[in-house]
Amino acid sequence: MTPPSSARGGLGPLDEYPLHQVPQPIGWPGPSDRHFYDRCYFNAHDRTGDIFVISGMGYYPNLRTKDAFFLVTRGDQQTAVHLGGEIDDDRLDQRVGGYRLEVIEPLQKIRMVLEETEGLAADLTWEGSFEVVQEQRHVMRQGTRVVLDAQRFAQVGTWSGSLSVDGEEISVSPDTWVGTRDRSWGIRPVGEAEPAGRPADFDGMWWLYVPMRFEDYAIVVIMQEDGDGIRTLNDCTRIWKDGRVEQLGWPQVTIHYTPGGRRPTGATLECATRQGPLRIEVESRLAVPLHFGGGYGGDQDWLHGQWHGESFTERRTYDLTSDAVKSMFMFGCVDHVGRAVVHEKGTETEGFGLFEHFSVGRHEPSGFTDFFSVAP
C-alpha cells in the first residue's frame, strides 16, 4: 500500500536511485530560492520557414507548480496553448494536463504528446543527431543578488510523428523536420513578481544563441554581452559524429538588422579553429517572438511558473502584423528558423537550426544608445 503524501514527505520514485546531491529528498531543491526551476525547451521546423513549433515544460518546486506551453507559428499567425497545475513528487512522470514527455532513451530520444487541447494536438518523437553539449554555467547578478544561476545542455536533432492544427493534419518526418532542444535547471526569474524595492541598475542586454545541425557536425553558440559590449558568457562549440568536441574561440559577431528596428535578418560569426578561420553566415526564415504566448520575459499574457489554478488550460492567438506585436517586437527574445552556411578552408556547408537573438536597451557595439534606439 502506498503511504499518503504527508507520510512520505517529499519522497518520490527517484529517491529509490543513487541520485541525491544534498541530504534531503530529490523533490526538495538544494536552494530554497523561490526562483528555482527545472525546465526543457524544444523546437521543430521543416526548414522552409513556413511553420515553426516551439514547446516546453517547467517544474518550479518552491512555487509548488508546473506548466507547459505549445506554440505554433505559421505565416503571420502565432497560436499558443498554455497548461498548468500543481507539482507532485513523481518526476519520472513528466506531464501537465494533456501534455507529457516520455524519455525513451536518455539524452537521445524523447516523445512529446499533446492531447487535443483547444484545437492543437501533437505526437512527436525527437531523436538527437549528435551527443548533447554541456554549456558553461550561466550566472547573472543584479547588484549583490544572484538572479540567474543555471546549468544547461543542448542538442540538435530530427523529428517524426504528426501535428494537428485546427483539424489540419501535418505529417512530420525526419528527412525534412529538424530542430534543437535544451534542458536547464537552477535559478532564474519565474512565477509572480516580487516586491520591486529599489529599481535595478539595468540599461541593456545583448543575447545570441545559435545551435545548428550540419551533416557531419553540430555547432552550438551561446553569448551574452552588457550595454558596453563586455561579453559575460561565451561558448562556441562544434561536436562531431564521433563525439569529439572542438572549441571555436571567441567569435566576432555582426547582427544584420532591418533598418528602423531591431529585427534581424541574419548574422555573421567569425570563428577560429586550430586549422584556421571559420565563418558562419546565418539567415532568418521565420521569426517567432517568444514574449507573445511563449511565456518568456515581456509576455503580457502568461509567464513561466505562475499559478493559474489546478488543471489550467487556455489558448491565445496573435496577429504578428498587428501594431501591438510590432511595437513590442524588439523588447523580447525572438526565435528564428535559421539557415546557416559554414565557410571553412574554401568549402561551404549548409545547415539548419535555431537563430535566437535579442538586444534590449543599450548596446554600444550595435549603435543602440538606449531602449528605443533602432538600426539606421
Protein backbone atom coordinates (compact mmCIF):
# COMPACT_ATOMS: atom_id res chain seq x y z
CA MET A 1 0.00 0.00 0.00
CA THR A 2 1.35 3.42 -0.98
CA PRO A 3 1.66 5.74 2.04
CA PRO A 4 -0.09 9.11 1.90
CA SER A 5 1.92 12.04 0.59
CA SER A 6 2.17 13.57 4.08
CA ALA A 7 3.80 10.39 5.37
CA ARG A 8 6.32 10.32 2.52
CA GLY A 9 7.29 13.98 2.96
CA GLY A 10 8.92 14.97 -0.33
CA LEU A 11 9.90 11.43 -1.32
CA GLY A 12 9.17 10.16 -4.81
CA PRO A 13 10.24 7.35 -7.19
CA LEU A 14 13.60 8.96 -7.96
CA ASP A 15 14.61 8.59 -4.31
CA GLU A 16 15.00 4.84 -4.96
CA TYR A 17 18.05 5.65 -7.10
CA PRO A 18 21.51 6.87 -6.02
CA LEU A 19 20.97 10.37 -7.42
CA HIS A 20 20.99 12.55 -4.30
CA GLN A 21 23.18 15.66 -4.22
CA VAL A 22 22.12 17.08 -0.85
CA PRO A 23 20.86 15.38 2.36
CA GLN A 24 17.17 15.69 1.52
CA PRO A 25 14.64 14.13 -0.90
CA ILE A 26 15.13 14.65 -4.65
CA GLY A 27 11.87 16.60 -4.72
CA TRP A 28 13.37 19.30 -2.49
CA PRO A 29 15.83 21.54 -4.37
CA GLY A 30 19.15 22.31 -2.73
CA PRO A 31 18.48 26.08 -2.69
CA SER A 32 15.25 27.34 -1.16
CA ASP A 33 15.18 30.29 -3.58
CA ARG A 34 11.62 30.68 -4.88
CA HIS A 35 13.05 31.04 -8.40
CA PHE A 36 14.46 27.50 -8.56
CA TYR A 37 13.33 25.83 -11.79
CA ASP A 38 13.91 22.73 -13.94
CA ARG A 39 12.62 23.04 -17.49
CA CYS A 40 13.06 21.90 -21.07
CA TYR A 41 12.67 23.61 -24.45
CA PHE A 42 12.08 22.09 -27.90
CA ASN A 43 11.62 23.49 -31.39
CA ALA A 44 10.72 21.84 -34.69
CA HIS A 45 10.53 23.08 -38.28
CA ASP A 46 10.67 21.78 -41.83
CA ARG A 47 13.49 24.15 -42.88
CA THR A 48 11.28 26.22 -45.20
CA GLY A 49 10.22 28.86 -42.70
CA ASP A 50 6.55 28.08 -43.37
CA ILE A 51 5.97 26.67 -39.88
CA PHE A 52 7.74 26.74 -36.54
CA VAL A 53 6.74 24.73 -33.46
CA ILE A 54 8.17 25.68 -30.06
CA SER A 55 7.29 23.91 -26.83
CA GLY A 56 8.47 23.47 -23.28
CA MET A 57 7.68 22.22 -19.80
CA GLY A 58 8.82 23.62 -16.46
CA TYR A 59 8.84 22.44 -12.85
CA TYR A 60 9.04 25.01 -10.02
CA PRO A 61 9.26 23.06 -6.73
CA ASN A 62 9.47 26.04 -4.40
CA LEU A 63 6.42 27.60 -6.07
CA ARG A 64 4.62 24.22 -5.94
CA THR A 65 3.60 24.45 -9.58
CA LYS A 66 4.44 23.15 -13.05
CA ASP A 67 3.46 24.27 -16.53
CA ALA A 68 3.85 23.66 -20.25
CA PHE A 69 3.30 25.53 -23.48
CA PHE A 70 2.90 24.58 -27.14
CA LEU A 71 3.38 27.34 -29.69
CA VAL A 72 2.75 27.12 -33.46
CA THR A 73 3.66 29.93 -35.85
CA ARG A 74 2.57 29.85 -39.49
CA GLY A 75 2.93 32.93 -41.64
CA ASP A 76 1.59 35.92 -39.73
CA GLN A 77 -0.34 33.94 -37.10
CA GLN A 78 1.06 32.66 -33.81
CA THR A 79 -1.04 30.36 -31.60
CA ALA A 80 -0.19 29.17 -28.11
CA VAL A 81 -1.71 26.64 -25.75
CA HIS A 82 -0.81 27.00 -22.06
CA LEU A 83 -1.24 24.32 -19.40
CA GLY A 84 -0.60 24.46 -15.68
CA GLY A 85 -1.18 22.61 -12.44
CA GLU A 86 0.12 21.54 -9.04
CA ILE A 87 3.51 19.86 -8.89
CA ASP A 88 3.75 16.34 -7.46
CA ASP A 89 6.54 14.09 -6.21
CA ASP A 90 6.75 11.81 -9.28
CA ARG A 91 9.29 13.50 -11.53
CA LEU A 92 9.54 10.34 -13.67
CA ASP A 93 6.04 11.05 -14.98
CA GLN A 94 6.55 14.35 -16.80
CA ARG A 95 3.09 15.68 -17.58
CA VAL A 96 0.92 18.76 -17.23
CA GLY A 97 -2.71 18.14 -18.11
CA GLY A 98 -2.84 16.65 -21.61
CA TYR A 99 0.83 17.40 -22.27
CA ARG A 100 3.52 14.85 -21.47
CA LEU A 101 7.13 13.94 -22.21
CA GLU A 102 8.35 10.34 -22.34
CA VAL A 103 12.07 9.65 -22.08
CA ILE A 104 12.58 6.75 -24.48
CA GLU A 105 16.38 6.90 -24.38
CA PRO A 106 18.01 9.43 -22.03
CA LEU A 107 19.93 12.21 -23.80
CA GLN A 108 18.89 10.82 -27.17
CA LYS A 109 15.20 10.08 -27.80
CA ILE A 110 12.13 11.86 -26.35
CA ARG A 111 8.43 11.54 -27.17
CA MET A 112 6.28 14.65 -26.83
CA VAL A 113 2.48 14.24 -26.72
CA LEU A 114 -0.12 16.98 -26.62
CA GLU A 115 -3.59 15.52 -26.48
CA GLU A 116 -6.15 17.62 -28.33
CA THR A 117 -6.25 20.93 -26.47
CA GLU A 118 -8.29 23.78 -27.88
CA GLY A 119 -7.54 22.83 -31.49
CA LEU A 120 -3.87 21.80 -31.13
CA ALA A 121 -2.54 18.26 -30.83
CA ALA A 122 0.80 16.52 -31.43
CA ASP A 123 2.55 13.19 -31.16
CA LEU A 124 6.19 13.89 -31.95
CA THR A 125 9.39 11.94 -31.32
CA TRP A 126 12.73 13.66 -31.03
CA GLU A 127 15.99 11.91 -31.92
CA GLY A 128 19.35 13.55 -31.33
CA SER A 129 21.67 13.68 -34.33
CA PHE A 130 24.75 14.22 -32.15
CA GLU A 131 25.55 13.94 -28.46
CA VAL A 132 24.30 16.64 -26.12
CA VAL A 133 26.55 19.65 -25.49
CA GLN A 134 27.01 20.77 -21.89
CA GLU A 135 27.17 24.55 -21.93
CA GLN A 136 29.03 26.76 -19.49
CA ARG A 137 27.32 27.58 -16.24
CA HIS A 138 25.39 30.83 -16.64
CA VAL A 139 25.45 33.32 -13.75
CA MET A 140 23.97 36.84 -13.60
CA ARG A 141 23.76 39.34 -10.75
CA GLN A 142 21.79 42.49 -10.12
CA GLY A 143 23.80 44.34 -7.53
CA THR A 144 24.71 41.76 -4.90
CA ARG A 145 21.88 39.36 -5.68
CA VAL A 146 22.17 36.35 -7.96
CA VAL A 147 19.19 36.49 -10.32
CA LEU A 148 20.30 33.67 -12.63
CA ASP A 149 22.48 30.67 -11.85
CA ALA A 150 21.79 27.85 -14.28
CA GLN A 151 23.25 24.80 -15.96
CA ARG A 152 22.07 23.73 -19.41
CA PHE A 153 22.69 21.14 -22.09
CA ALA A 154 21.71 21.49 -25.74
CA GLN A 155 21.23 19.12 -28.67
CA VAL A 156 20.32 19.24 -32.36
CA GLY A 157 18.23 16.51 -33.98
CA THR A 158 15.26 15.44 -36.07
CA TRP A 159 11.52 14.88 -35.54
CA SER A 160 8.97 12.28 -36.61
CA GLY A 161 5.25 11.92 -35.95
CA SER A 162 2.23 14.12 -36.54
CA LEU A 163 0.88 17.57 -35.74
CA SER A 164 -2.73 18.75 -35.81
CA VAL A 165 -3.69 22.42 -36.06
CA ASP A 166 -7.42 23.17 -36.03
CA GLY A 167 -8.21 19.87 -37.74
CA GLU A 168 -5.42 20.03 -40.31
CA GLU A 169 -3.13 17.01 -40.03
CA ILE A 170 0.57 17.66 -40.73
CA SER A 171 2.94 14.74 -41.19
CA VAL A 172 6.36 15.17 -39.58
CA SER A 173 9.24 13.11 -40.95
CA PRO A 174 12.94 13.20 -40.01
CA ASP A 175 14.10 13.69 -43.60
CA THR A 176 12.68 17.23 -43.55
CA TRP A 177 11.88 18.14 -39.93
CA VAL A 178 14.79 19.22 -37.75
CA GLY A 179 15.17 21.22 -34.57
CA THR A 180 17.02 21.87 -31.36
CA ARG A 181 16.33 21.30 -27.69
CA ASP A 182 17.78 22.16 -24.33
CA ARG A 183 17.24 21.35 -20.67
CA SER A 184 18.27 23.75 -17.94
CA TRP A 185 17.91 23.96 -14.19
CA GLY A 186 18.90 26.30 -11.39
CA ILE A 187 17.69 29.79 -10.56
CA ARG A 188 16.05 32.27 -12.93
CA PRO A 189 13.16 34.75 -12.57
CA VAL A 190 9.92 32.71 -12.61
CA GLY A 191 6.47 32.98 -11.09
CA GLU A 192 4.69 36.04 -9.78
CA ALA A 193 6.65 39.26 -9.46
CA GLU A 194 8.32 40.04 -6.14
CA PRO A 195 8.19 43.48 -4.49
CA ALA A 196 10.48 45.65 -6.58
CA GLY A 197 12.36 47.56 -3.90
CA ARG A 198 14.89 49.97 -5.35
CA PRO A 199 14.87 49.77 -9.18
CA ALA A 200 17.62 47.57 -10.57
CA ASP A 201 20.57 49.17 -12.36
CA PHE A 202 19.88 47.72 -15.81
CA ASP A 203 20.35 49.55 -19.08
CA GLY A 204 20.84 46.80 -21.62
CA MET A 205 21.48 43.17 -22.52
CA TRP A 206 22.53 41.54 -25.79
CA TRP A 207 21.99 37.80 -26.34
CA LEU A 208 22.77 35.32 -29.12
CA TYR A 209 22.04 31.59 -29.20
CA VAL A 210 22.72 29.60 -32.40
CA PRO A 211 22.57 25.78 -32.25
CA MET A 212 22.85 24.45 -35.83
CA ARG A 213 22.75 20.96 -37.36
CA PHE A 214 25.01 20.06 -40.28
CA GLU A 215 25.62 16.71 -41.95
CA ASP A 216 28.85 15.82 -40.14
CA TYR A 217 28.73 18.03 -37.05
CA ALA A 218 26.70 20.39 -34.91
CA ILE A 219 27.67 23.90 -33.80
CA VAL A 220 26.28 25.45 -30.61
CA VAL A 221 26.96 29.14 -29.97
CA ILE A 222 25.80 30.99 -26.85
CA MET A 223 26.82 34.55 -25.96
CA GLN A 224 25.77 37.40 -23.71
CA GLU A 225 27.04 40.99 -23.53
CA ASP A 226 26.18 44.00 -21.42
CA GLY A 227 25.41 47.51 -22.67
CA ASP A 228 29.11 48.29 -23.13
CA GLY A 229 29.63 45.15 -25.19
CA ILE A 230 31.52 43.35 -22.41
CA ARG A 231 30.97 39.65 -23.01
CA THR A 232 29.88 37.87 -19.84
CA LEU A 233 29.15 34.50 -21.46
CA ASN A 234 30.98 32.95 -24.40
CA ASP A 235 30.66 29.35 -25.51
CA CYS A 236 31.18 28.29 -29.13
CA THR A 237 31.43 24.54 -29.64
CA ARG A 238 31.49 22.13 -32.56
CA ILE A 239 30.65 18.50 -31.84
CA TRP A 240 31.39 15.77 -34.40
CA LYS A 241 29.65 12.44 -35.00
CA ASP A 242 32.42 10.54 -33.22
CA GLY A 243 31.86 12.67 -30.10
CA ARG A 244 34.87 14.95 -30.49
CA VAL A 245 34.29 18.43 -29.07
CA GLU A 246 36.08 21.41 -30.61
CA GLN A 247 36.06 24.92 -29.21
CA LEU A 248 35.75 27.66 -31.84
CA GLY A 249 37.20 30.54 -29.88
CA TRP A 250 35.78 33.99 -29.21
CA PRO A 251 33.60 34.80 -32.23
CA GLN A 252 33.28 38.31 -33.59
CA VAL A 253 29.60 38.84 -34.38
CA THR A 254 27.73 41.18 -36.69
CA ILE A 255 23.92 41.13 -36.49
CA HIS A 256 22.18 42.29 -39.66
CA TYR A 257 19.20 44.38 -38.57
CA THR A 258 16.28 45.63 -40.62
CA PRO A 259 16.56 49.44 -40.86
CA GLY A 260 14.28 51.27 -38.46
CA GLY A 261 14.07 48.47 -35.91
CA ARG A 262 15.95 45.67 -34.20
CA ARG A 263 14.54 42.76 -36.16
CA PRO A 264 17.48 40.74 -37.51
CA THR A 265 17.58 39.26 -40.98
CA GLY A 266 20.67 37.26 -40.08
CA ALA A 267 24.15 37.34 -38.60
CA THR A 268 27.81 36.79 -39.43
CA LEU A 269 30.03 34.96 -36.93
CA GLU A 270 33.81 34.97 -37.41
CA CYS A 271 35.22 31.98 -35.51
CA ALA A 272 38.63 30.32 -35.16
CA THR A 273 39.90 26.74 -35.30
CA ARG A 274 43.40 25.32 -34.91
CA GLN A 275 43.46 24.90 -38.68
CA GLY A 276 42.35 28.43 -39.50
CA PRO A 277 39.34 30.75 -39.64
CA LEU A 278 35.73 29.61 -39.85
CA ARG A 279 32.84 31.91 -40.82
CA ILE A 280 29.17 31.21 -40.20
CA GLU A 281 26.56 33.12 -42.21
CA VAL A 282 23.09 32.80 -40.67
CA GLU A 283 19.78 33.90 -42.17
CA SER A 284 16.30 34.12 -40.67
CA ARG A 285 13.47 32.32 -42.46
CA LEU A 286 10.71 32.90 -39.88
CA ALA A 287 10.69 34.99 -36.71
CA VAL A 288 8.80 33.92 -33.57
CA PRO A 289 8.66 36.45 -30.70
CA LEU A 290 8.71 34.33 -27.56
CA HIS A 291 7.15 37.13 -25.50
CA PHE A 292 3.82 36.57 -27.29
CA GLY A 293 2.48 33.30 -25.93
CA GLY A 294 5.82 31.66 -25.11
CA GLY A 295 5.96 32.89 -21.53
CA TYR A 296 9.40 34.46 -21.77
CA GLY A 297 10.32 37.90 -20.40
CA GLY A 298 7.95 40.63 -21.51
CA ASP A 299 4.99 38.33 -22.21
CA GLN A 300 1.89 40.21 -21.09
CA ASP A 301 -0.41 37.17 -21.07
CA TRP A 302 1.43 34.26 -19.46
CA LEU A 303 4.77 33.80 -17.68
CA HIS A 304 6.55 30.63 -16.60
CA GLY A 305 5.86 29.47 -13.07
CA GLN A 306 2.74 31.50 -12.37
CA TRP A 307 -0.11 29.78 -10.58
CA HIS A 308 -3.39 29.81 -12.53
CA GLY A 309 -5.16 27.03 -10.67
CA GLU A 310 -5.35 23.26 -10.99
CA SER A 311 -5.91 21.80 -14.49
CA PHE A 312 -5.40 25.17 -16.16
CA THR A 313 -5.55 25.42 -19.97
CA GLU A 314 -6.00 28.31 -22.36
CA ARG A 315 -5.39 29.21 -25.99
CA ARG A 316 -4.06 32.52 -27.24
CA THR A 317 -3.68 33.64 -30.86
CA TYR A 318 -1.64 36.61 -32.08
CA ASP A 319 -1.56 38.51 -35.37
CA LEU A 320 2.14 39.17 -35.97
CA THR A 321 1.28 42.06 -38.30
CA SER A 322 -0.70 43.92 -35.62
CA ASP A 323 0.58 47.17 -34.17
CA ALA A 324 0.52 45.62 -30.67
CA VAL A 325 3.03 42.94 -31.69
CA LYS A 326 5.18 45.10 -33.94
CA SER A 327 5.56 47.82 -31.32
CA MET A 328 6.83 45.31 -28.72
CA PHE A 329 8.83 43.09 -31.04
CA MET A 330 12.25 44.48 -30.09
CA PHE A 331 11.62 44.28 -26.34
CA GLY A 332 11.84 40.50 -26.02
CA CYS A 333 13.57 37.35 -27.17
CA VAL A 334 12.89 36.17 -30.73
CA ASP A 335 13.49 32.68 -32.13
CA HIS A 336 14.06 32.30 -35.85
CA VAL A 337 14.01 29.32 -38.18
CA GLY A 338 17.65 29.58 -39.17
CA ARG A 339 19.62 28.53 -42.22
CA ALA A 340 23.41 28.64 -41.87
CA VAL A 341 26.35 28.28 -44.22
CA VAL A 342 29.80 27.48 -42.80
CA HIS A 343 32.74 28.79 -44.84
CA GLU A 344 35.90 26.89 -43.98
CA LYS A 345 39.07 26.14 -45.96
CA GLY A 346 37.43 27.04 -49.26
CA THR A 347 34.30 24.92 -48.71
CA GLU A 348 30.67 25.78 -47.95
CA THR A 349 28.47 23.59 -45.73
CA GLU A 350 24.73 24.17 -45.28
CA GLY A 351 22.88 23.57 -42.04
CA PHE A 352 19.62 24.41 -40.25
CA GLY A 353 18.59 25.12 -36.70
CA LEU A 354 17.79 27.92 -34.30
CA PHE A 355 18.82 31.57 -34.59
CA GLU A 356 17.82 33.20 -31.30
CA HIS A 357 18.61 36.82 -30.60
CA PHE A 358 17.58 39.87 -28.67
CA SER A 359 19.15 43.20 -27.90
CA VAL A 360 17.19 45.09 -25.26
CA GLY A 361 18.26 48.56 -24.20
CA ARG A 362 21.75 49.93 -24.68
CA HIS A 363 24.37 48.04 -26.69
CA GLU A 364 27.17 50.32 -27.79
CA PRO A 365 28.78 47.96 -30.38
CA SER A 366 25.45 47.81 -32.23
CA GLY A 367 24.94 51.58 -32.05
CA PHE A 368 22.00 51.30 -29.64
CA THR A 369 22.25 54.04 -27.02
CA ASP A 370 19.01 53.39 -25.11
CA PHE A 371 15.87 51.22 -25.08
CA PHE A 372 14.36 52.96 -28.08
CA SER A 373 17.37 53.12 -30.42
CA VAL A 374 16.93 51.36 -33.75
CA ALA A 375 19.15 50.35 -36.63
CA PRO A 376 19.78 53.07 -39.24
